[in-house]
Amino acid sequence: MSGRTFFGAGFARGFSKAWLAAGYVFLYLPIVALVLYSFNDSPIPNVWRGFTLKWYVALVNDSEMLSGFWLSLKIAFFTACGSVVLGTLAAFTLVKYKRFTGRTLFSGMVNAPLVMPEVVVGLSLLLMLVSVQRAIGFPERGMLTIWFGHLLLGMAYATVVIQARLSDMNPQLEEAAMDLGARPHQVFWLVTLPLIAQSLASAWLLTFTISLDDVVLSAFLSGPGSTTMPLVIFSRARLGLNPSVNAVATIIVFVVAFGVVAASYLIARAERRRQQEMAAAFRATSPTPVTPPANEETTT
């Protein structure tokens, strides 16, 4: 290798590392600044005056923020659970049944929330729910209607994640279970579901996070007494933020980071255990080589 080529390769590697580092700084420096200024003694968010915990203490008496945070957590939890269930059914249908009447329409309707602006989705849901409420008197705008909107969006994301895992799964494993006498529902619960458990956990975390910080759909579908935490923060931002908002955001960052780290650890441990069990089963079923007696001569 010539010196010029070596220098060019080294420069390319250095530039790639510098560009990657700049990308990480651009993404995570605002979060670090937010966490640091949540301990700022000054009421002005961008002026450092000293270390304090008073903004975290002030959250205890902030009933509006606490009620919004609790409502957001409940909606996000139920949205994640419902999205995983509906996303699994939709992904299973699209992967296992290649041809059926209306498959193209069904696939387009499942993926529509991914490419449709949230303003359009929120306005459409609002008009539909208002019409239904006028017709039958249900549902009132509140937690339930917000959950409907978040569920529609979360199901689309969950379907994409789970469908990718189902497409990569080896179908011979399910066929082997059916050859051994397992019925279709037993194959799903005993074979398919454990194999896609990682994608289910990933879809749950993704939809939980999307629901927790959604503003547009919540703004359209919320009602009196059902203000989520992002809406509270957004309404206060018009009047000027104070460090108590930074404290709430810091708590959310640490909670989500802890959940992601814990889920990643549990998923990795489950994957290692599954690989070990598969290797042990393969060794148990593989034929044992026969070693000829020592006094027997091998003829060629």
C-alpha atoms as a PDB file:
ATOM      1  CA  MET A   1       0.000   0.000   0.000  1.00  0.00           C
ATOM      2  CA  SER A   2       1.414   3.389  -0.974  1.00  0.00           C
ATOM      3  CA  GLY A   3       1.742   6.256   1.459  1.00  0.00           C
ATOM      4  CA  ARG A   4      -0.876   8.311  -0.341  1.00  0.00           C
ATOM      5  CA  THR A   5      -3.418   5.464  -0.211  1.00  0.00           C
ATOM      6  CA  PHE A   6      -2.707   4.842   3.470  1.00  0.00           C
ATOM      7  CA  PHE A   7      -3.072   8.538   4.227  1.00  0.00           C
ATOM      8  CA  GLY A   8      -6.361   8.647   2.309  1.00  0.00           C
ATOM      9  CA  ALA A   9      -7.753   5.643   4.188  1.00  0.00           C
ATOM     10  CA  GLY A  10      -6.684   7.125   7.519  1.00  0.00           C
ATOM     11  CA  PHE A  11      -8.247  10.472   6.673  1.00  0.00           C
ATOM     12  CA  ALA A  12     -11.519   8.755   5.679  1.00  0.00           C
ATOM     13  CA  ARG A  13     -11.636   6.819   8.960  1.00  0.00           C
ATOM     14  CA  GLY A  14     -10.871   9.946  10.969  1.00  0.00           C
ATOM     15  CA  PHE A  15     -13.503  11.965   9.119  1.00  0.00           C
ATOM     16  CA  SER A  16     -16.097   9.202   9.655  1.00  0.00           C
ATOM     17  CA  LYS A  17     -15.388   9.088  13.393  1.00  0.00           C
ATOM     18  CA  ALA A  18     -15.505  12.877  13.661  1.00  0.00           C
ATOM     19  CA  TRP A  19     -18.792  13.016  11.744  1.00  0.00           C
ATOM     20  CA  LEU A  20     -20.257  10.287  13.970  1.00  0.00           C
ATOM     21  CA  ALA A  21     -19.114  12.125  17.096  1.00  0.00           C
ATOM     22  CA  ALA A  22     -20.636  15.376  15.808  1.00  0.00           C
ATOM     23  CA  GLY A  23     -23.929  13.568  15.179  1.00  0.00           C
ATOM     24  CA  TYR A  24     -24.009  12.191  18.727  1.00  0.00           C
ATOM     25  CA  VAL A  25     -23.175  15.624  20.160  1.00  0.00           C
ATOM     26  CA  PHE A  26     -25.970  17.206  18.101  1.00  0.00           C
ATOM     27  CA  LEU A  27     -28.466  14.618  19.336  1.00  0.00           C
ATOM     28  CA  TYR A  28     -27.523  14.272  22.998  1.00  0.00           C
ATOM     29  CA  LEU A  29     -26.033  17.645  23.993  1.00  0.00           C
ATOM     30  CA  PRO A  30     -29.506  19.263  24.331  1.00  0.00           C
ATOM     31  CA  ILE A  31     -30.592  16.409  26.601  1.00  0.00           C
ATOM     32  CA  VAL A  32     -27.467  16.814  28.754  1.00  0.00           C
ATOM     33  CA  ALA A  33     -28.068  20.567  28.967  1.00  0.00           C
ATOM     34  CA  LEU A  34     -31.698  19.952  29.951  1.00  0.00           C
ATOM     35  CA  VAL A  35     -30.641  17.616  32.762  1.00  0.00           C
ATOM     36  CA  LEU A  36     -28.007  20.040  34.049  1.00  0.00           C
ATOM     37  CA  TYR A  37     -30.318  23.051  34.044  1.00  0.00           C
ATOM     38  CA  SER A  38     -32.962  21.114  35.946  1.00  0.00           C
ATOM     39  CA  PHE A  39     -30.649  21.639  38.958  1.00  0.00           C
ATOM     40  CA  ASN A  40     -30.269  25.364  38.261  1.00  0.00           C
ATOM     41  CA  ASP A  41     -31.105  27.701  41.149  1.00  0.00           C
ATOM     42  CA  SER A  42     -32.075  30.496  38.772  1.00  0.00           C
ATOM     43  CA  PRO A  43     -35.683  30.828  37.577  1.00  0.00           C
ATOM     44  CA  ILE A  44     -34.312  31.820  34.176  1.00  0.00           C
ATOM     45  CA  PRO A  45     -33.739  28.552  32.263  1.00  0.00           C
ATOM     46  CA  ASN A  46     -30.522  29.569  30.476  1.00  0.00           C
ATOM     47  CA  VAL A  47     -28.733  31.417  33.308  1.00  0.00           C
ATOM     48  CA  TRP A  48     -26.767  29.263  35.752  1.00  0.00           C
ATOM     49  CA  ARG A  49     -26.810  30.509  39.345  1.00  0.00           C
ATOM     50  CA  GLY A  50     -26.034  27.431  41.420  1.00  0.00           C
ATOM     51  CA  PHE A  51     -27.031  23.868  42.281  1.00  0.00           C
ATOM     52  CA  THR A  52     -30.425  23.184  43.812  1.00  0.00           C
ATOM     53  CA  LEU A  53     -33.135  20.552  44.082  1.00  0.00           C
ATOM     54  CA  LYS A  54     -36.006  22.944  44.682  1.00  0.00           C
ATOM     55  CA  TRP A  55     -37.540  22.390  41.252  1.00  0.00           C
ATOM     56  CA  TYR A  56     -37.904  18.681  41.989  1.00  0.00           C
ATOM     57  CA  VAL A  57     -39.445  19.532  45.353  1.00  0.00           C
ATOM     58  CA  ALA A  58     -41.800  21.961  43.635  1.00  0.00           C
ATOM     59  CA  LEU A  59     -43.162  19.132  41.503  1.00  0.00           C
ATOM     60  CA  VAL A  60     -44.752  17.585  44.582  1.00  0.00           C
ATOM     61  CA  ASN A  61     -47.100  20.568  44.847  1.00  0.00           C
ATOM     62  CA  ASP A  62     -47.662  20.926  41.092  1.00  0.00           C
ATOM     63  CA  SER A  63     -50.983  19.118  40.826  1.00  0.00           C
ATOM     64  CA  GLU A  64     -51.528  20.016  37.170  1.00  0.00           C
ATOM     65  CA  MET A  65     -48.198  18.544  36.071  1.00  0.00           C
ATOM     66  CA  LEU A  66     -48.553  15.447  38.250  1.00  0.00           C
ATOM     67  CA  SER A  67     -52.077  14.686  37.029  1.00  0.00           C
ATOM     68  CA  GLY A  68     -50.970  15.172  33.425  1.00  0.00           C
ATOM     69  CA  PHE A  69     -47.954  12.939  33.956  1.00  0.00           C
ATOM     70  CA  TRP A  70     -50.070  10.204  35.552  1.00  0.00           C
ATOM     71  CA  LEU A  71     -52.645  10.423  32.744  1.00  0.00           C
ATOM     72  CA  SER A  72     -49.882  10.199  30.112  1.00  0.00           C
ATOM     73  CA  LEU A  73     -48.419   7.130  31.803  1.00  0.00           C
ATOM     74  CA  LYS A  74     -51.778   5.359  31.890  1.00  0.00           C
ATOM     75  CA  ILE A  75     -52.560   6.145  28.268  1.00  0.00           C
ATOM     76  CA  ALA A  76     -49.056   5.148  27.154  1.00  0.00           C
ATOM     77  CA  PHE A  77     -49.258   1.830  29.032  1.00  0.00           C
ATOM     78  CA  PHE A  78     -52.609   0.818  27.600  1.00  0.00           C
ATOM     79  CA  THR A  79     -51.594   2.079  24.163  1.00  0.00           C
ATOM     80  CA  ALA A  80     -48.447  -0.046  24.174  1.00  0.00           C
ATOM     81  CA  CYS A  81     -50.323  -3.164  25.288  1.00  0.00           C
ATOM     82  CA  GLY A  82     -53.129  -2.709  22.779  1.00  0.00           C
ATOM     83  CA  SER A  83     -50.734  -1.831  19.955  1.00  0.00           C
ATOM     84  CA  VAL A  84     -48.699  -4.994  20.510  1.00  0.00           C
ATOM     85  CA  VAL A  85     -51.816  -7.182  20.456  1.00  0.00           C
ATOM     86  CA  LEU A  86     -53.332  -5.595  17.349  1.00  0.00           C
ATOM     87  CA  GLY A  87     -49.939  -5.240  15.652  1.00  0.00           C
ATOM     88  CA  THR A  88     -49.226  -8.933  16.207  1.00  0.00           C
ATOM     89  CA  LEU A  89     -52.532  -9.942  14.657  1.00  0.00           C
ATOM     90  CA  ALA A  90     -52.058  -7.614  11.687  1.00  0.00           C
ATOM     91  CA  ALA A  91     -48.446  -8.701  11.105  1.00  0.00           C
ATOM     92  CA  PHE A  92     -49.367 -12.378  11.405  1.00  0.00           C
ATOM     93  CA  THR A  93     -52.130 -11.903   8.840  1.00  0.00           C
ATOM     94  CA  LEU A  94     -49.883 -10.091   6.354  1.00  0.00           C
ATOM     95  CA  VAL A  95     -47.005 -12.582   6.664  1.00  0.00           C
ATOM     96  CA  LYS A  96     -48.838 -15.901   6.892  1.00  0.00           C
ATOM     97  CA  TYR A  97     -51.628 -15.210   4.410  1.00  0.00           C
ATOM     98  CA  LYS A  98     -50.063 -14.010   1.190  1.00  0.00           C
ATOM     99  CA  ARG A  99     -53.303 -13.848  -0.777  1.00  0.00           C
ATOM    100  CA  PHE A 100     -56.801 -13.016   0.400  1.00  0.00           C
ATOM    101  CA  THR A 101     -59.524 -10.669  -0.748  1.00  0.00           C
ATOM    102  CA  GLY A 102     -58.741  -7.116   0.288  1.00  0.00           C
ATOM    103  CA  ARG A 103     -55.130  -7.770   1.288  1.00  0.00           C
ATOM    104  CA  THR A 104     -53.831  -4.665  -0.493  1.00  0.00           C
ATOM    105  CA  LEU A 105     -56.494  -2.492   1.099  1.00  0.00           C
ATOM    106  CA  PHE A 106     -55.824  -4.002   4.519  1.00  0.00           C
ATOM    107  CA  SER A 107     -52.082  -3.425   4.211  1.00  0.00           C
ATOM    108  CA  GLY A 108     -52.636   0.149   3.081  1.00  0.00           C
ATOM    109  CA  MET A 109     -55.000   0.909   5.949  1.00  0.00           C
ATOM    110  CA  VAL A 110     -52.557  -0.524   8.501  1.00  0.00           C
ATOM    111  CA  ASN A 111     -49.650   1.540   7.159  1.00  0.00           C
ATOM    112  CA  ALA A 112     -51.650   4.715   6.461  1.00  0.00           C
ATOM    113  CA  PRO A 113     -50.963   6.343   9.878  1.00  0.00           C
ATOM    114  CA  LEU A 114     -47.235   6.097   9.186  1.00  0.00           C
ATOM    115  CA  VAL A 115     -47.375   8.342   6.124  1.00  0.00           C
ATOM    116  CA  MET A 116     -50.398  10.452   7.018  1.00  0.00           C
ATOM    117  CA  PRO A 117     -49.783  13.776   8.819  1.00  0.00           C
ATOM    118  CA  GLU A 118     -50.879  13.597  12.451  1.00  0.00           C
ATOM    119  CA  VAL A 119     -52.962  16.731  11.970  1.00  0.00           C
ATOM    120  CA  VAL A 120     -55.048  14.945   9.350  1.00  0.00           C
ATOM    121  CA  VAL A 121     -55.370  11.815  11.492  1.00  0.00           C
ATOM    122  CA  GLY A 122     -56.317  13.822  14.572  1.00  0.00           C
ATOM    123  CA  LEU A 123     -58.893  15.936  12.737  1.00  0.00           C
ATOM    124  CA  SER A 124     -60.434  12.864  11.077  1.00  0.00           C
ATOM    125  CA  LEU A 125     -60.742  11.067  14.398  1.00  0.00           C
ATOM    126  CA  LEU A 126     -62.206  14.156  16.035  1.00  0.00           C
ATOM    127  CA  LEU A 127     -64.903  14.509  13.383  1.00  0.00           C
ATOM    128  CA  MET A 128     -65.730  10.797  13.546  1.00  0.00           C
ATOM    129  CA  LEU A 129     -65.912  10.687  17.345  1.00  0.00           C
ATOM    130  CA  VAL A 130     -68.036  13.835  17.503  1.00  0.00           C
ATOM    131  CA  SER A 131     -70.474  12.305  14.984  1.00  0.00           C
ATOM    132  CA  VAL A 132     -70.621   9.050  16.944  1.00  0.00           C
ATOM    133  CA  GLN A 133     -71.158  10.924  20.201  1.00  0.00           C
ATOM    134  CA  ARG A 134     -74.038  12.897  18.730  1.00  0.00           C
ATOM    135  CA  ALA A 135     -75.601   9.697  17.426  1.00  0.00           C
ATOM    136  CA  ILE A 136     -75.321   7.430  20.463  1.00  0.00           C
ATOM    137  CA  GLY A 137     -74.032   9.721  23.215  1.00  0.00           C
ATOM    138  CA  PHE A 138     -70.714   7.915  23.540  1.00  0.00           C
ATOM    139  CA  PRO A 139     -67.775   8.382  23.887  1.00  0.00           C
ATOM    140  CA  GLU A 140     -67.070  11.620  25.708  1.00  0.00           C
ATOM    141  CA  ARG A 141     -63.794  13.236  24.769  1.00  0.00           C
ATOM    142  CA  GLY A 142     -61.203  12.331  27.358  1.00  0.00           C
ATOM    143  CA  MET A 143     -58.818   9.521  28.208  1.00  0.00           C
ATOM    144  CA  LEU A 144     -60.689   6.973  26.093  1.00  0.00           C
ATOM    145  CA  THR A 145     -60.663   9.064  22.918  1.00  0.00           C
ATOM    146  CA  ILE A 146     -56.983   9.913  23.366  1.00  0.00           C
ATOM    147  CA  TRP A 147     -56.302   6.201  23.751  1.00  0.00           C
ATOM    148  CA  PHE A 148     -58.177   5.490  20.501  1.00  0.00           C
ATOM    149  CA  GLY A 149     -55.977   7.926  18.602  1.00  0.00           C
ATOM    150  CA  HIS A 150     -52.731   6.702  20.133  1.00  0.00           C
ATOM    151  CA  LEU A 151     -53.777   3.107  19.535  1.00  0.00           C
ATOM    152  CA  LEU A 152     -54.340   3.798  15.843  1.00  0.00           C
ATOM    153  CA  LEU A 153     -50.866   5.285  15.487  1.00  0.00           C
ATOM    154  CA  GLY A 154     -49.128   2.756  17.733  1.00  0.00           C
ATOM    155  CA  MET A 155     -50.630  -0.248  15.944  1.00  0.00           C
ATOM    156  CA  ALA A 156     -49.034   0.888  12.676  1.00  0.00           C
ATOM    157  CA  TYR A 157     -45.566   1.096  14.249  1.00  0.00           C
ATOM    158  CA  ALA A 158     -45.977  -2.196  16.088  1.00  0.00           C
ATOM    159  CA  THR A 159     -47.077  -3.946  12.889  1.00  0.00           C
ATOM    160  CA  VAL A 160     -43.922  -2.853  11.054  1.00  0.00           C
ATOM    161  CA  VAL A 161     -41.619  -4.067  13.837  1.00  0.00           C
ATOM    162  CA  ILE A 162     -43.344  -7.422  14.343  1.00  0.00           C
ATOM    163  CA  GLN A 163     -43.843  -8.034  10.613  1.00  0.00           C
ATOM    164  CA  ALA A 164     -40.102  -7.661  10.018  1.00  0.00           C
ATOM    165  CA  ARG A 165     -39.372 -10.332  12.642  1.00  0.00           C
ATOM    166  CA  LEU A 166     -42.018 -12.711  11.340  1.00  0.00           C
ATOM    167  CA  SER A 167     -40.683 -12.379   7.795  1.00  0.00           C
ATOM    168  CA  ASP A 168     -37.165 -13.351   8.917  1.00  0.00           C
ATOM    169  CA  MET A 169     -38.320 -16.296  11.033  1.00  0.00           C
ATOM    170  CA  ASN A 170     -37.604 -19.779   9.725  1.00  0.00           C
ATOM    171  CA  PRO A 171     -40.977 -21.364   8.794  1.00  0.00           C
ATOM    172  CA  GLN A 172     -39.516 -24.855   9.138  1.00  0.00           C
ATOM    173  CA  LEU A 173     -39.672 -24.512  12.923  1.00  0.00           C
ATOM    174  CA  GLU A 174     -43.452 -24.135  12.816  1.00  0.00           C
ATOM    175  CA  GLU A 175     -43.755 -26.912  10.237  1.00  0.00           C
ATOM    176  CA  ALA A 176     -41.711 -29.229  12.466  1.00  0.00           C
ATOM    177  CA  ALA A 177     -44.042 -28.512  15.389  1.00  0.00           C
ATOM    178  CA  MET A 178     -47.098 -29.322  13.257  1.00  0.00           C
ATOM    179  CA  ASP A 179     -45.423 -32.526  12.036  1.00  0.00           C
ATOM    180  CA  LEU A 180     -45.020 -33.528  15.670  1.00  0.00           C
ATOM    181  CA  GLY A 181     -48.752 -33.158  16.258  1.00  0.00           C
ATOM    182  CA  ALA A 182     -49.106 -29.585  17.509  1.00  0.00           C
ATOM    183  CA  ARG A 183     -52.271 -27.765  16.555  1.00  0.00           C
ATOM    184  CA  PRO A 184     -52.168 -24.275  14.995  1.00  0.00           C
ATOM    185  CA  HIS A 185     -52.924 -22.442  18.242  1.00  0.00           C
ATOM    186  CA  GLN A 186     -50.296 -24.541  20.047  1.00  0.00           C
ATOM    187  CA  VAL A 187     -47.738 -23.705  17.367  1.00  0.00           C
ATOM    188  CA  PHE A 188     -48.485 -20.003  17.820  1.00  0.00           C
ATOM    189  CA  TRP A 189     -48.223 -20.015  21.616  1.00  0.00           C
ATOM    190  CA  LEU A 190     -45.344 -22.485  21.987  1.00  0.00           C
ATOM    191  CA  VAL A 191     -43.203 -21.762  18.908  1.00  0.00           C
ATOM    192  CA  THR A 192     -44.069 -18.518  17.135  1.00  0.00           C
ATOM    193  CA  LEU A 193     -44.675 -16.304  20.154  1.00  0.00           C
ATOM    194  CA  PRO A 194     -41.383 -17.130  21.942  1.00  0.00           C
ATOM    195  CA  LEU A 195     -39.446 -16.547  18.715  1.00  0.00           C
ATOM    196  CA  ILE A 196     -40.909 -13.078  18.202  1.00  0.00           C
ATOM    197  CA  ALA A 197     -40.791 -12.087  21.885  1.00  0.00           C
ATOM    198  CA  GLN A 198     -37.921  -9.654  21.283  1.00  0.00           C
ATOM    199  CA  SER A 199     -39.840  -7.809  18.581  1.00  0.00           C
ATOM    200  CA  LEU A 200     -42.879  -7.655  20.866  1.00  0.00           C
ATOM    201  CA  ALA A 201     -40.793  -6.028  23.591  1.00  0.00           C
ATOM    202  CA  SER A 202     -39.289  -3.601  21.084  1.00  0.00           C
ATOM    203  CA  ALA A 203     -42.716  -2.705  19.715  1.00  0.00           C
ATOM    204  CA  TRP A 204     -44.037  -2.178  23.257  1.00  0.00           C
ATOM    205  CA  LEU A 205     -41.225   0.210  24.170  1.00  0.00           C
ATOM    206  CA  LEU A 206     -41.535   2.075  20.873  1.00  0.00           C
ATOM    207  CA  THR A 207     -45.293   2.600  21.089  1.00  0.00           C
ATOM    208  CA  PHE A 208     -45.064   3.500  24.788  1.00  0.00           C
ATOM    209  CA  THR A 209     -42.565   6.255  23.999  1.00  0.00           C
ATOM    210  CA  ILE A 210     -44.559   7.538  21.020  1.00  0.00           C
ATOM    211  CA  SER A 211     -47.734   7.743  23.092  1.00  0.00           C
ATOM    212  CA  LEU A 212     -46.007   9.349  26.060  1.00  0.00           C
ATOM    213  CA  ASP A 213     -44.815  12.408  24.128  1.00  0.00           C
ATOM    214  CA  ASP A 214     -47.606  12.781  21.563  1.00  0.00           C
ATOM    215  CA  VAL A 215     -49.028  16.311  21.339  1.00  0.00           C
ATOM    216  CA  VAL A 216     -51.025  16.586  18.111  1.00  0.00           C
ATOM    217  CA  LEU A 217     -53.439  13.684  18.566  1.00  0.00           C
ATOM    218  CA  SER A 218     -53.840  14.465  22.269  1.00  0.00           C
ATOM    219  CA  ALA A 219     -54.682  18.097  21.481  1.00  0.00           C
ATOM    220  CA  PHE A 220     -57.452  17.079  19.063  1.00  0.00           C
ATOM    221  CA  LEU A 221     -58.923  14.270  21.164  1.00  0.00           C
ATOM    222  CA  SER A 222     -58.604  15.586  24.722  1.00  0.00           C
ATOM    223  CA  GLY A 223     -61.476  17.060  26.680  1.00  0.00           C
ATOM    224  CA  PRO A 224     -62.054  18.941  29.922  1.00  0.00           C
ATOM    225  CA  GLY A 225     -60.093  17.367  32.768  1.00  0.00           C
ATOM    226  CA  SER A 226     -58.007  15.139  30.485  1.00  0.00           C
ATOM    227  CA  THR A 227     -54.865  17.138  29.789  1.00  0.00           C
ATOM    228  CA  THR A 228     -51.780  15.022  29.224  1.00  0.00           C
ATOM    229  CA  MET A 229     -48.292  16.024  30.313  1.00  0.00           C
ATOM    230  CA  PRO A 230     -47.101  17.117  26.823  1.00  0.00           C
ATOM    231  CA  LEU A 231     -50.134  19.384  26.558  1.00  0.00           C
ATOM    232  CA  VAL A 232     -49.363  20.911  29.962  1.00  0.00           C
ATOM    233  CA  ILE A 233     -45.768  21.582  28.919  1.00  0.00           C
ATOM    234  CA  PHE A 234     -46.868  22.958  25.550  1.00  0.00           C
ATOM    235  CA  SER A 235     -49.374  25.332  27.163  1.00  0.00           C
ATOM    236  CA  ARG A 236     -46.769  26.585  29.626  1.00  0.00           C
ATOM    237  CA  ALA A 237     -44.202  27.086  26.881  1.00  0.00           C
ATOM    238  CA  ARG A 238     -46.322  29.944  25.520  1.00  0.00           C
ATOM    239  CA  LEU A 239     -45.859  31.855  28.767  1.00  0.00           C
ATOM    240  CA  GLY A 240     -42.198  30.981  29.250  1.00  0.00           C
ATOM    241  CA  LEU A 241     -40.772  27.774  30.668  1.00  0.00           C
ATOM    242  CA  ASN A 242     -39.330  27.458  34.154  1.00  0.00           C
ATOM    243  CA  PRO A 243     -36.856  24.821  35.382  1.00  0.00           C
ATOM    244  CA  SER A 244     -39.664  22.696  36.831  1.00  0.00           C
ATOM    245  CA  VAL A 245     -40.360  21.549  33.275  1.00  0.00           C
ATOM    246  CA  ASN A 246     -36.693  20.574  32.989  1.00  0.00           C
ATOM    247  CA  ALA A 247     -37.098  18.531  36.171  1.00  0.00           C
ATOM    248  CA  VAL A 248     -40.065  16.650  34.726  1.00  0.00           C
ATOM    249  CA  ALA A 249     -38.198  16.013  31.486  1.00  0.00           C
ATOM    250  CA  THR A 250     -35.161  14.760  33.427  1.00  0.00           C
ATOM    251  CA  ILE A 251     -37.280  12.274  35.341  1.00  0.00           C
ATOM    252  CA  ILE A 252     -38.789  11.014  32.084  1.00  0.00           C
ATOM    253  CA  VAL A 253     -35.332  10.694  30.488  1.00  0.00           C
ATOM    254  CA  PHE A 254     -34.036   8.570  33.354  1.00  0.00           C
ATOM    255  CA  VAL A 255     -37.176   6.434  33.539  1.00  0.00           C
ATOM    256  CA  VAL A 256     -37.141   5.718  29.802  1.00  0.00           C
ATOM    257  CA  ALA A 257     -33.371   5.112  29.806  1.00  0.00           C
ATOM    258  CA  PHE A 258     -33.710   2.662  32.696  1.00  0.00           C
ATOM    259  CA  GLY A 259     -36.536   0.860  30.920  1.00  0.00           C
ATOM    260  CA  VAL A 260     -34.584   0.572  27.675  1.00  0.00           C
ATOM    261  CA  VAL A 261     -31.442  -0.702  29.431  1.00  0.00           C
ATOM    262  CA  ALA A 262     -33.412  -3.218  31.501  1.00  0.00           C
ATOM    263  CA  ALA A 263     -35.368  -4.440  28.471  1.00  0.00           C
ATOM    264  CA  SER A 264     -32.182  -4.750  26.395  1.00  0.00           C
ATOM    265  CA  TYR A 265     -30.530  -6.783  29.145  1.00  0.00           C
ATOM    266  CA  LEU A 266     -33.507  -9.095  29.553  1.00  0.00           C
ATOM    267  CA  ILE A 267     -33.862  -9.554  25.794  1.00  0.00           C
ATOM    268  CA  ALA A 268     -30.152 -10.348  25.393  1.00  0.00           C
ATOM    269  CA  ARG A 269     -30.255 -12.831  28.274  1.00  0.00           C
ATOM    270  CA  ALA A 270     -33.340 -14.536  26.845  1.00  0.00           C
ATOM    271  CA  GLU A 271     -31.676 -14.744  23.427  1.00  0.00           C
ATOM    272  CA  ARG A 272     -28.524 -16.325  24.920  1.00  0.00           C
ATOM    273  CA  ARG A 273     -30.630 -18.836  26.819  1.00  0.00           C
ATOM    274  CA  ARG A 274     -32.585 -19.677  23.691  1.00  0.00           C
ATOM    275  CA  GLN A 275     -29.381 -20.171  21.697  1.00  0.00           C
ATOM    276  CA  GLN A 276     -27.989 -22.450  24.420  1.00  0.00           C
ATOM    277  CA  GLU A 277     -31.188 -24.494  24.505  1.00  0.00           C
ATOM    278  CA  MET A 278     -31.170 -24.852  20.717  1.00  0.00           C
ATOM    279  CA  ALA A 279     -27.519 -25.925  20.755  1.00  0.00           C
ATOM    280  CA  ALA A 280     -28.214 -28.466  23.512  1.00  0.00           C
ATOM    281  CA  ALA A 281     -31.213 -29.841  21.621  1.00  0.00           C
ATOM    282  CA  PHE A 282     -29.157 -30.102  18.440  1.00  0.00           C
ATOM    283  CA  ARG A 283     -26.402 -32.014  20.249  1.00  0.00           C
ATOM    284  CA  ALA A 284     -28.964 -34.335  21.816  1.00  0.00           C
ATOM    285  CA  THR A 285     -30.612 -35.183  18.491  1.00  0.00           C
ATOM    286  CA  SER A 286     -27.460 -35.424  16.360  1.00  0.00           C
ATOM    287  CA  PRO A 287     -26.215 -38.968  15.678  1.00  0.00           C
ATOM    288  CA  THR A 288     -23.253 -40.097  17.785  1.00  0.00           C
ATOM    289  CA  PRO A 289     -20.266 -41.137  15.648  1.00  0.00           C
ATOM    290  CA  VAL A 290     -19.345 -44.821  16.016  1.00  0.00           C
ATOM    291  CA  THR A 291     -15.703 -45.422  16.934  1.00  0.00           C
ATOM    292  CA  PRO A 292     -14.322 -48.756  15.663  1.00  0.00           C
ATOM    293  CA  PRO A 293     -12.617 -51.085  18.161  1.00  0.00           C
ATOM    294  CA  ALA A 294      -8.903 -50.602  18.628  1.00  0.00           C
ATOM    295  CA  ASN A 295      -8.015 -54.137  17.523  1.00  0.00           C
ATOM    296  CA  GLU A 296     -10.076 -53.914  14.333  1.00  0.00           C
ATOM    297  CA  GLU A 297      -8.106 -53.105  11.224  1.00  0.00           C
ATOM    298  CA  THR A 298      -9.613 -50.822   8.645  1.00  0.00           C
ATOM    299  CA  THR A 299      -9.336 -52.100   5.120  1.00  0.00           C
ATOM    300  CA  THR A 300      -9.200 -49.818   2.165  1.00  0.00           C
END
